[in-house]
Amino acid sequence: MKLIQLTAAALILTAGSAFADTHITNGTVTKIDTQWSKVTVDHEELKNLDMPAMKMVFQVAEPEMLEGLSEGQSIRFAADRVKGKLTITEILE
């Protein structure tokens, strides 16, 4: 029984790293718009969105995500389509 639990745990960890490999990318903040909860990021490839590296505007999932960000700052982030809009869902430390 323990072998099955360990195998299941290993599969979950592997799936989690696969998620990170496709959903997390690097970028540089070039503009912050707190009024509309948007941020412009010059980013690397977004594999989960099949999007090449480019500069673009993203919504943020929560306005609080913009607190502490500054133009020129390097970030690691996750982005996805939320209600049809390209949205940063997580900003990592």
C-alpha atoms as a PDB file:
ATOM      1  CA  MET A   1       0.000   0.000   0.000  1.00  0.00           C
ATOM      2  CA  LYS A   2       2.848   2.423   0.812  1.00  0.00           C
ATOM      3  CA  LEU A   3       4.362   1.845  -2.645  1.00  0.00           C
ATOM      4  CA  ILE A   4       1.095   2.944  -4.265  1.00  0.00           C
ATOM      5  CA  GLN A   5       0.989   6.074  -2.084  1.00  0.00           C
ATOM      6  CA  LEU A   6       4.607   6.927  -2.911  1.00  0.00           C
ATOM      7  CA  THR A   7       3.978   6.379  -6.623  1.00  0.00           C
ATOM      8  CA  ALA A   8       0.888   8.605  -6.482  1.00  0.00           C
ATOM      9  CA  ALA A   9       2.873  11.301  -4.654  1.00  0.00           C
ATOM     10  CA  ALA A  10       5.644  11.124  -7.260  1.00  0.00           C
ATOM     11  CA  LEU A  11       3.084  11.495 -10.062  1.00  0.00           C
ATOM     12  CA  ILE A  12       1.548  14.537  -8.367  1.00  0.00           C
ATOM     13  CA  LEU A  13       4.962  16.166  -7.956  1.00  0.00           C
ATOM     14  CA  THR A  14       5.825  15.445 -11.588  1.00  0.00           C
ATOM     15  CA  ALA A  15       2.524  16.903 -12.775  1.00  0.00           C
ATOM     16  CA  GLY A  16       3.130  19.979 -10.619  1.00  0.00           C
ATOM     17  CA  SER A  17       6.543  20.582 -12.179  1.00  0.00           C
ATOM     18  CA  ALA A  18       5.065  20.084 -15.653  1.00  0.00           C
ATOM     19  CA  PHE A  19       2.484  22.747 -14.800  1.00  0.00           C
ATOM     20  CA  ALA A  20       5.275  25.069 -13.663  1.00  0.00           C
ATOM     21  CA  ASP A  21       7.251  24.403 -16.843  1.00  0.00           C
ATOM     22  CA  THR A  22       4.359  25.501 -19.046  1.00  0.00           C
ATOM     23  CA  HIS A  23       2.651  28.190 -16.957  1.00  0.00           C
ATOM     24  CA  ILE A  24       5.565  30.093 -15.387  1.00  0.00           C
ATOM     25  CA  THR A  25       7.702  32.507 -17.381  1.00  0.00           C
ATOM     26  CA  ASN A  26      10.002  35.487 -16.885  1.00  0.00           C
ATOM     27  CA  GLY A  27       9.433  39.065 -17.889  1.00  0.00           C
ATOM     28  CA  THR A  28      10.199  42.714 -17.230  1.00  0.00           C
ATOM     29  CA  VAL A  29       7.506  45.161 -16.137  1.00  0.00           C
ATOM     30  CA  THR A  30       7.427  48.115 -18.545  1.00  0.00           C
ATOM     31  CA  LYS A  31       4.216  49.890 -17.461  1.00  0.00           C
ATOM     32  CA  ILE A  32       1.742  49.699 -14.587  1.00  0.00           C
ATOM     33  CA  ASP A  33      -1.871  50.899 -14.851  1.00  0.00           C
ATOM     34  CA  THR A  34      -3.449  50.756 -11.381  1.00  0.00           C
ATOM     35  CA  GLN A  35      -6.676  52.424 -12.573  1.00  0.00           C
ATOM     36  CA  TRP A  36      -7.517  49.487 -14.876  1.00  0.00           C
ATOM     37  CA  SER A  37      -5.574  46.733 -13.023  1.00  0.00           C
ATOM     38  CA  LYS A  38      -3.257  46.150 -15.973  1.00  0.00           C
ATOM     39  CA  VAL A  39       0.467  45.690 -16.362  1.00  0.00           C
ATOM     40  CA  THR A  40       2.608  45.697 -19.491  1.00  0.00           C
ATOM     41  CA  VAL A  41       5.291  43.004 -19.476  1.00  0.00           C
ATOM     42  CA  ASP A  42       8.089  42.259 -21.939  1.00  0.00           C
ATOM     43  CA  HIS A  43       7.983  38.475 -21.473  1.00  0.00           C
ATOM     44  CA  GLU A  44       9.592  35.246 -22.588  1.00  0.00           C
ATOM     45  CA  GLU A  45       7.570  32.530 -24.333  1.00  0.00           C
ATOM     46  CA  LEU A  46       4.273  31.556 -22.687  1.00  0.00           C
ATOM     47  CA  LYS A  47       4.103  27.857 -23.534  1.00  0.00           C
ATOM     48  CA  ASN A  48       0.638  27.238 -22.090  1.00  0.00           C
ATOM     49  CA  LEU A  49      -0.782  30.008 -24.297  1.00  0.00           C
ATOM     50  CA  ASP A  50       1.317  29.046 -27.348  1.00  0.00           C
ATOM     51  CA  MET A  51       2.637  32.622 -27.401  1.00  0.00           C
ATOM     52  CA  PRO A  52       6.130  33.705 -28.419  1.00  0.00           C
ATOM     53  CA  ALA A  53       8.180  36.218 -26.456  1.00  0.00           C
ATOM     54  CA  MET A  54       6.805  39.753 -26.826  1.00  0.00           C
ATOM     55  CA  LYS A  55       5.730  42.876 -24.956  1.00  0.00           C
ATOM     56  CA  MET A  56       2.041  42.973 -24.092  1.00  0.00           C
ATOM     57  CA  VAL A  57      -0.597  44.197 -21.672  1.00  0.00           C
ATOM     58  CA  PHE A  58      -2.101  41.778 -19.143  1.00  0.00           C
ATOM     59  CA  GLN A  59      -4.980  42.090 -16.706  1.00  0.00           C
ATOM     60  CA  VAL A  60      -4.066  41.019 -13.187  1.00  0.00           C
ATOM     61  CA  ALA A  61      -6.276  38.587 -11.316  1.00  0.00           C
ATOM     62  CA  GLU A  62      -6.312  40.812  -8.220  1.00  0.00           C
ATOM     63  CA  PRO A  63      -5.527  44.572  -8.123  1.00  0.00           C
ATOM     64  CA  GLU A  64      -3.343  43.966  -5.048  1.00  0.00           C
ATOM     65  CA  MET A  65      -0.903  42.117  -7.300  1.00  0.00           C
ATOM     66  CA  LEU A  66       0.286  45.493  -8.616  1.00  0.00           C
ATOM     67  CA  GLU A  67       1.360  46.651  -5.149  1.00  0.00           C
ATOM     68  CA  GLY A  68       5.125  46.635  -4.860  1.00  0.00           C
ATOM     69  CA  LEU A  69       5.709  46.314  -8.604  1.00  0.00           C
ATOM     70  CA  SER A  70       7.803  48.919 -10.375  1.00  0.00           C
ATOM     71  CA  GLU A  71       8.704  49.635 -13.983  1.00  0.00           C
ATOM     72  CA  GLY A  72      11.915  47.865 -14.962  1.00  0.00           C
ATOM     73  CA  GLN A  73      11.386  45.112 -12.372  1.00  0.00           C
ATOM     74  CA  SER A  74      12.066  41.506 -13.412  1.00  0.00           C
ATOM     75  CA  ILE A  75       9.285  39.091 -12.471  1.00  0.00           C
ATOM     76  CA  ARG A  76       8.410  35.395 -12.717  1.00  0.00           C
ATOM     77  CA  PHE A  77       4.732  34.962 -13.338  1.00  0.00           C
ATOM     78  CA  ALA A  78       1.932  32.669 -14.436  1.00  0.00           C
ATOM     79  CA  ALA A  79      -0.588  33.799 -17.040  1.00  0.00           C
ATOM     80  CA  ASP A  80      -3.718  32.279 -18.486  1.00  0.00           C
ATOM     81  CA  ARG A  81      -6.945  33.227 -20.226  1.00  0.00           C
ATOM     82  CA  VAL A  82      -9.548  34.251 -17.662  1.00  0.00           C
ATOM     83  CA  LYS A  83     -12.997  35.069 -19.060  1.00  0.00           C
ATOM     84  CA  GLY A  84     -11.357  35.557 -22.458  1.00  0.00           C
ATOM     85  CA  LYS A  85      -8.711  38.011 -21.232  1.00  0.00           C
ATOM     86  CA  LEU A  86      -5.001  37.349 -20.918  1.00  0.00           C
ATOM     87  CA  THR A  87      -4.461  37.569 -17.175  1.00  0.00           C
ATOM     88  CA  ILE A  88      -1.526  37.269 -14.827  1.00  0.00           C
ATOM     89  CA  THR A  89      -2.785  34.816 -12.242  1.00  0.00           C
ATOM     90  CA  GLU A  90       0.311  34.696 -10.032  1.00  0.00           C
ATOM     91  CA  ILE A  91       3.486  36.689  -9.487  1.00  0.00           C
ATOM     92  CA  LEU A  92       6.233  34.681  -7.804  1.00  0.00           C
ATOM     93  CA  GLU A  93       8.857  35.997  -5.420  1.00  0.00           C
END
